């Protein structure tokens, strides 16, 4: 697992807060940056990839044993 440009810790937050916080953070990042979202809400496994598809960002990977964590390229 390579190091992301940014880590967004959303552990303990319930749906839809991880996606909302990701959406708020993305505008401040340069194109091509990788954000790792730490989110232990089970809905994040579906919500984050779906948000990427809707917003045109690239969902890179899910790391189920690392937080769990989700990598997104903006």
Protein backbone atom coordinates (compact mmCIF):
# COMPACT_ATOMS: atom_id res chain seq x y z
CA UNK A 1 0.00 0.00 0.00
CA UNK A 2 1.68 3.21 -1.18
CA UNK A 3 1.48 6.45 0.79
CA UNK A 4 -1.36 8.84 -0.13
CA UNK A 5 -0.99 12.60 -0.52
CA UNK A 6 -3.68 13.18 2.10
CA UNK A 7 -5.34 11.09 4.84
CA UNK A 8 -8.89 11.91 5.87
CA UNK A 9 -9.83 10.26 9.17
CA UNK A 10 -13.58 9.63 9.20
CA UNK A 11 -13.55 6.76 11.69
CA UNK A 12 -16.54 6.86 14.01
CA UNK A 13 -18.61 8.85 11.51
CA UNK A 14 -21.78 7.35 10.11
CA UNK A 15 -23.23 7.59 6.62
CA UNK A 16 -23.23 10.03 4.89
CA UNK A 17 -20.53 11.95 6.80
CA UNK A 18 -17.44 10.19 5.33
CA UNK A 19 -18.55 11.06 1.79
CA UNK A 20 -19.54 14.60 2.77
CA UNK A 21 -16.14 15.19 4.37
CA UNK A 22 -14.37 13.74 1.33
CA UNK A 23 -16.38 16.03 -0.96
CA UNK A 24 -15.45 19.05 1.18
CA UNK A 25 -11.73 18.19 1.12
CA UNK A 26 -11.33 17.46 -2.61
CA UNK A 27 -11.56 21.08 -3.90
CA UNK A 28 -8.43 22.02 -1.95
CA UNK A 29 -6.31 19.27 -3.50
CA UNK A 30 -4.35 19.35 -6.75
CA UNK A 31 -5.54 17.21 -9.66
CA UNK A 32 -4.07 13.73 -9.43
CA UNK A 33 -3.67 13.76 -5.65
CA UNK A 34 -4.53 10.55 -3.78
CA UNK A 35 -6.73 10.76 -0.69
CA UNK A 36 -6.97 7.86 1.73
CA UNK A 37 -10.27 7.90 3.60
CA UNK A 38 -10.27 6.01 6.89
CA UNK A 39 -13.90 5.04 7.49
CA UNK A 40 -15.24 2.24 9.69
CA UNK A 41 -18.89 2.71 8.71
CA UNK A 42 -19.79 -0.35 6.57
CA UNK A 43 -21.73 1.90 4.16
CA UNK A 44 -18.48 3.63 3.15
CA UNK A 45 -17.47 0.52 1.18
CA UNK A 46 -20.36 1.25 -1.20
CA UNK A 47 -20.74 5.01 -0.79
CA UNK A 48 -17.17 6.08 -1.58
CA UNK A 49 -16.85 4.16 -4.89
CA UNK A 50 -20.35 5.36 -5.90
CA UNK A 51 -19.42 8.97 -5.11
CA UNK A 52 -16.27 8.60 -7.24
CA UNK A 53 -18.32 7.38 -10.21
CA UNK A 54 -20.81 10.25 -9.85
CA UNK A 55 -18.12 12.94 -9.50
CA UNK A 56 -15.58 11.66 -12.03
CA UNK A 57 -12.86 10.73 -9.54
CA UNK A 58 -10.93 7.47 -9.68
CA UNK A 59 -11.57 4.91 -6.95
CA UNK A 60 -8.19 3.21 -6.59
CA UNK A 61 -8.50 0.62 -3.84
CA UNK A 62 -10.15 -0.56 -0.69
CA UNK A 63 -7.96 -1.71 2.18
CA UNK A 64 -10.37 -3.62 4.43
CA UNK A 65 -7.78 -4.39 7.11
CA UNK A 66 -6.24 -0.91 7.27
CA UNK A 67 -8.83 1.03 9.16
CA UNK A 68 -10.67 0.17 6.76
CA UNK A 69 -9.30 2.60 4.21
CA UNK A 70 -10.32 3.71 0.71
CA UNK A 71 -8.00 5.38 -1.82
CA UNK A 72 -9.36 7.97 -4.24
CA UNK A 73 -7.51 9.90 -6.95
CA UNK A 74 -8.98 13.38 -7.45
